[in-house]
Amino acid sequence: MLALLHTSPVHVPVFDALRDETHPGLGLRHFVDEELLRRARREGPAAVTHAVGVVLRRAVAEGARAVLCTCSTLGGVAEEAGAAGLAVPVLRVDRPMAAAAVAAGPRVVLLAALASTLAPTTALIEEEARRAGRTVTVRPVLVDVAWSRFEAGDTEGYVREVATAADRVTHADAIVLAQASMAPVQHFTTTPIPVLSSPRPGFEAAARAARHSPDRPLDIPTQPNRPPAHP
């Protein structure tokens, strides 16, 4: 079974669809905690380290053989918490996307709708560049007007705002969509520059990790869970 940590319920059907398309039969358990992102935006991602660890340990206790964090703001926190003694792999959804951006070329434009995502995702791309022995320049672009649309439930307006920003990008080898919720932007852009999103490659990596983990129990699809609120 693969557990997924989300900070928005909109991600649940997205990853369910990816499972049905590419890994039918793989059990998923969704942990949705919107307060984690709200608190990370107020106080910084480090402020939710303990709370993220609680969710990860609960996921493992309930049978997860791997955990995927789909929130780019909290991805690094989840990886670090997983490395601190957790018995299963903990992956961040945007790492495979970052590796693909580095492979595309040295000029990467990062589009984000949340300021809290800029530093973690920039650091991730730079980390993947060091791992690959390459040099990259990351140019962050904050599309802050888009997030208010997302919060208002205007998904189409959110996507179109980010797509417009992507189409304005020049002199880049890759455009990285920081939030997993931005993935539909790929269908609305007209830019010839590759536009990269995280859900599909991130899910593929996590599904492989869950399936290859030793002593994996029978995968049984379950309903989404919501962990208790954290102070």
Protein backbone atom coordinates (compact mmCIF):
# COMPACT_ATOMS: atom_id res chain seq x y z
CA MET A 1 0.00 0.00 0.00
CA LEU A 2 1.15 3.53 -0.86
CA ALA A 3 0.25 6.39 1.47
CA LEU A 4 -0.01 9.95 0.20
CA LEU A 5 0.24 13.09 2.31
CA HIS A 6 -1.75 15.97 0.81
CA THR A 7 -2.42 19.51 1.98
CA SER A 8 -5.47 19.85 -0.28
CA PRO A 9 -8.26 17.37 -1.05
CA VAL A 10 -8.09 18.28 -4.75
CA HIS A 11 -5.12 15.93 -5.10
CA VAL A 12 -7.01 12.80 -4.07
CA PRO A 13 -8.85 12.17 -7.38
CA VAL A 14 -5.73 13.14 -9.38
CA PHE A 15 -3.62 10.43 -7.81
CA ASP A 16 -6.45 7.93 -7.78
CA ALA A 17 -6.69 8.43 -11.56
CA LEU A 18 -2.96 7.97 -12.00
CA ARG A 19 -3.15 4.74 -10.00
CA ASP A 20 -6.04 3.45 -12.10
CA GLU A 21 -4.16 4.30 -15.29
CA THR A 22 -0.70 2.99 -14.50
CA HIS A 23 -0.80 0.77 -11.39
CA PRO A 24 -4.26 -0.80 -11.07
CA GLY A 25 -4.52 -2.86 -7.92
CA LEU A 26 -2.12 -0.74 -5.92
CA GLY A 27 -3.81 0.30 -2.69
CA LEU A 28 -3.69 3.98 -1.83
CA ARG A 29 -4.35 5.65 1.48
CA HIS A 30 -4.78 9.43 1.40
CA PHE A 31 -3.92 11.60 4.40
CA VAL A 32 -5.27 15.13 3.90
CA ASP A 33 -4.28 17.88 6.32
CA GLU A 34 -4.80 21.41 5.02
CA GLU A 35 -3.62 22.97 8.28
CA LEU A 36 -0.07 21.75 7.64
CA LEU A 37 0.28 24.11 4.68
CA ARG A 38 -1.45 26.99 6.40
CA ARG A 39 0.90 26.73 9.35
CA ALA A 40 3.97 26.29 7.12
CA ARG A 41 3.04 29.48 5.29
CA ARG A 42 2.67 31.38 8.56
CA GLU A 43 5.67 30.04 10.45
CA GLY A 44 7.90 28.31 7.90
CA PRO A 45 8.07 24.63 6.88
CA ALA A 46 10.26 23.68 9.86
CA ALA A 47 7.35 24.54 12.17
CA VAL A 48 5.41 21.48 10.99
CA THR A 49 8.26 18.95 11.21
CA HIS A 50 6.75 17.19 14.23
CA ALA A 51 3.24 17.18 12.76
CA VAL A 52 4.46 15.74 9.47
CA GLY A 53 6.35 13.05 11.37
CA VAL A 54 3.15 12.12 13.20
CA VAL A 55 1.32 11.59 9.90
CA LEU A 56 4.19 9.56 8.45
CA ARG A 57 4.36 7.27 11.46
CA ARG A 58 0.60 6.79 11.36
CA ALA A 59 0.81 5.86 7.67
CA VAL A 60 3.46 3.24 8.37
CA ALA A 61 1.52 1.88 11.33
CA GLU A 62 -1.48 1.42 9.04
CA GLY A 63 0.52 -0.60 6.53
CA ALA A 64 2.15 1.84 4.11
CA ARG A 65 5.22 0.50 2.30
CA ALA A 66 6.08 3.95 0.97
CA VAL A 67 4.80 7.49 1.51
CA LEU A 68 4.53 10.24 -1.10
CA CYS A 69 4.29 13.88 -0.02
CA THR A 70 2.43 15.80 -2.72
CA CYS A 71 2.97 19.25 -1.19
CA SER A 72 6.02 21.01 -2.62
CA THR A 73 6.30 23.33 0.37
CA LEU A 74 6.58 20.35 2.73
CA GLY A 75 8.48 17.91 0.51
CA GLY A 76 11.86 18.51 2.13
CA VAL A 77 10.36 18.29 5.62
CA ALA A 78 8.77 14.95 4.74
CA GLU A 79 11.99 13.55 3.32
CA GLU A 80 13.94 14.57 6.41
CA ALA A 81 11.30 13.15 8.74
CA GLY A 82 11.35 9.91 6.78
CA ALA A 83 15.12 9.68 6.98
CA ALA A 84 14.96 10.02 10.77
CA GLY A 85 14.28 6.39 11.51
CA LEU A 86 11.18 5.64 9.43
CA ALA A 87 11.23 2.09 8.08
CA VAL A 88 9.81 2.86 4.62
CA PRO A 89 10.79 5.22 1.78
CA VAL A 90 9.37 8.73 1.98
CA LEU A 91 9.38 10.56 -1.34
CA ARG A 92 8.55 14.08 -2.40
CA VAL A 93 6.42 14.34 -5.51
CA ASP A 94 8.57 16.99 -7.22
CA ARG A 95 12.00 15.30 -7.11
CA PRO A 96 11.68 13.40 -10.43
CA MET A 97 10.42 16.61 -12.07
CA ALA A 98 13.43 18.51 -10.75
CA ALA A 99 15.77 15.88 -12.18
CA ALA A 100 14.04 16.18 -15.56
CA ALA A 101 14.43 19.97 -15.48
CA VAL A 102 18.15 19.66 -14.81
CA ALA A 103 18.49 17.22 -17.72
CA ALA A 104 16.67 19.65 -20.03
CA GLY A 105 19.33 22.35 -19.74
CA PRO A 106 20.94 24.97 -17.51
CA ARG A 107 18.19 27.61 -17.66
CA VAL A 108 15.19 26.68 -15.51
CA VAL A 109 12.21 28.93 -14.84
CA LEU A 110 10.22 28.01 -11.75
CA LEU A 111 6.56 29.04 -11.63
CA ALA A 112 4.90 29.02 -8.22
CA ALA A 113 1.59 30.32 -6.93
CA LEU A 114 2.80 30.29 -3.32
CA ALA A 115 5.87 32.15 -2.08
CA SER A 116 6.46 29.36 0.45
CA THR A 117 7.21 26.99 -2.44
CA LEU A 118 9.90 29.05 -4.14
CA ALA A 119 12.83 28.37 -1.79
CA PRO A 120 12.20 24.61 -1.28
CA THR A 121 11.73 23.90 -4.97
CA THR A 122 14.69 26.04 -6.00
CA ALA A 123 16.85 24.20 -3.48
CA LEU A 124 15.59 20.87 -4.81
CA ILE A 125 16.48 21.71 -8.42
CA GLU A 126 19.92 22.88 -7.35
CA GLU A 127 20.39 19.69 -5.33
CA GLU A 128 19.50 17.56 -8.35
CA ALA A 129 21.93 19.60 -10.46
CA ARG A 130 24.76 18.88 -8.02
CA ARG A 131 23.82 15.22 -8.02
CA ALA A 132 24.01 15.17 -11.82
CA GLY A 133 27.23 17.19 -11.93
CA ARG A 134 25.55 20.01 -13.84
CA THR A 135 25.22 23.75 -13.37
CA VAL A 136 21.78 25.34 -13.49
CA THR A 137 20.35 28.79 -13.02
CA VAL A 138 16.87 28.79 -11.49
CA ARG A 139 14.74 31.85 -12.18
CA PRO A 140 11.73 31.92 -9.83
CA VAL A 141 8.48 33.56 -10.90
CA LEU A 142 5.68 34.04 -8.37
CA VAL A 143 2.21 33.96 -9.92
CA ASP A 144 0.55 35.11 -6.72
CA VAL A 145 -2.70 36.19 -8.37
CA ALA A 146 -3.35 32.54 -9.22
CA TRP A 147 -3.51 31.27 -5.64
CA SER A 148 -6.47 33.44 -4.69
CA ARG A 149 -8.38 31.80 -7.53
CA PHE A 150 -7.39 28.35 -6.29
CA GLU A 151 -8.55 29.16 -2.77
CA ALA A 152 -11.85 30.44 -4.16
CA GLY A 153 -12.41 27.15 -5.98
CA ASP A 154 -11.85 28.69 -9.42
CA THR A 155 -9.64 25.89 -10.71
CA GLU A 156 -9.94 26.91 -14.34
CA GLY A 157 -8.98 30.51 -13.56
CA TYR A 158 -6.05 29.28 -11.47
CA VAL A 159 -4.77 27.11 -14.30
CA ARG A 160 -5.20 29.81 -16.92
CA GLU A 161 -3.32 32.39 -14.83
CA VAL A 162 -0.35 30.05 -14.55
CA ALA A 163 -0.57 29.09 -18.24
CA THR A 164 -0.44 32.77 -19.19
CA ALA A 165 2.66 33.20 -17.05
CA ALA A 166 4.27 30.17 -18.69
CA ASP A 167 3.60 31.54 -22.15
CA ARG A 168 5.43 34.76 -21.21
CA VAL A 169 8.64 32.87 -20.36
CA THR A 170 11.59 33.30 -22.71
CA HIS A 171 15.22 32.19 -22.68
CA ALA A 172 14.64 28.98 -20.74
CA ASP A 173 15.34 25.30 -21.30
CA ALA A 174 12.54 24.13 -19.03
CA ILE A 175 9.59 25.56 -17.13
CA VAL A 176 8.89 23.88 -13.80
CA LEU A 177 5.39 23.99 -12.31
CA ALA A 178 6.06 24.08 -8.58
CA GLN A 179 2.67 22.96 -7.25
CA ALA A 180 1.21 19.55 -8.12
CA SER A 181 -2.12 21.32 -8.63
CA MET A 182 -0.59 23.14 -11.62
CA ALA A 183 -0.34 19.98 -13.75
CA PRO A 184 -3.32 20.85 -16.02
CA VAL A 185 -1.40 23.95 -17.12
CA GLN A 186 0.47 21.70 -19.56
CA HIS A 187 -2.72 21.40 -21.62
CA PHE A 188 -3.23 25.16 -21.90
CA THR A 189 0.20 26.53 -22.74
CA THR A 190 1.41 27.39 -26.24
CA THR A 191 5.09 27.87 -25.39
CA PRO A 192 7.62 25.68 -27.23
CA ILE A 193 9.62 25.41 -23.99
CA PRO A 194 9.08 22.08 -22.16
CA VAL A 195 6.64 22.55 -19.28
CA LEU A 196 7.19 20.03 -16.48
CA SER A 197 4.75 19.00 -13.75
CA SER A 198 5.17 16.68 -10.80
CA PRO A 199 2.20 14.33 -10.27
CA ARG A 200 2.87 11.65 -12.90
CA PRO A 201 6.65 11.17 -12.47
CA GLY A 202 6.38 11.57 -8.71
CA PHE A 203 3.63 8.99 -8.48
CA GLU A 204 5.54 6.56 -10.69
CA ALA A 205 8.57 6.75 -8.40
CA ALA A 206 6.45 6.25 -5.29
CA ALA A 207 4.47 3.36 -6.78
CA ARG A 208 7.69 1.55 -7.66
CA ALA A 209 8.99 2.12 -4.15
CA ALA A 210 5.79 0.72 -2.62
CA ARG A 211 5.71 -2.33 -4.86
CA HIS A 212 9.40 -3.14 -4.38
CA SER A 213 9.41 -2.66 -0.63
CA PRO A 214 9.97 -5.98 1.20
CA ASP A 215 7.17 -7.81 2.98
CA ARG A 216 4.53 -5.71 1.27
CA PRO A 217 1.07 -6.81 2.40
CA LEU A 218 -1.85 -7.30 0.07
CA ASP A 219 -2.92 -3.93 -1.38
CA ILE A 220 -6.46 -3.12 -0.33
CA PRO A 221 -7.99 0.14 -1.64
CA THR A 222 -9.16 2.33 1.21
CA GLN A 223 -11.10 5.50 1.69
CA PRO A 224 -9.30 8.81 2.25
CA ASN A 225 -8.33 9.48 5.85
CA ARG A 226 -8.01 12.83 7.52
CA PRO A 227 -5.52 12.93 10.39
CA PRO A 228 -6.45 14.76 13.56
CA ALA A 229 -5.88 18.52 13.51
CA HIS A 230 -2.51 19.67 14.82
CA PRO A 231 -2.05 22.72 16.98
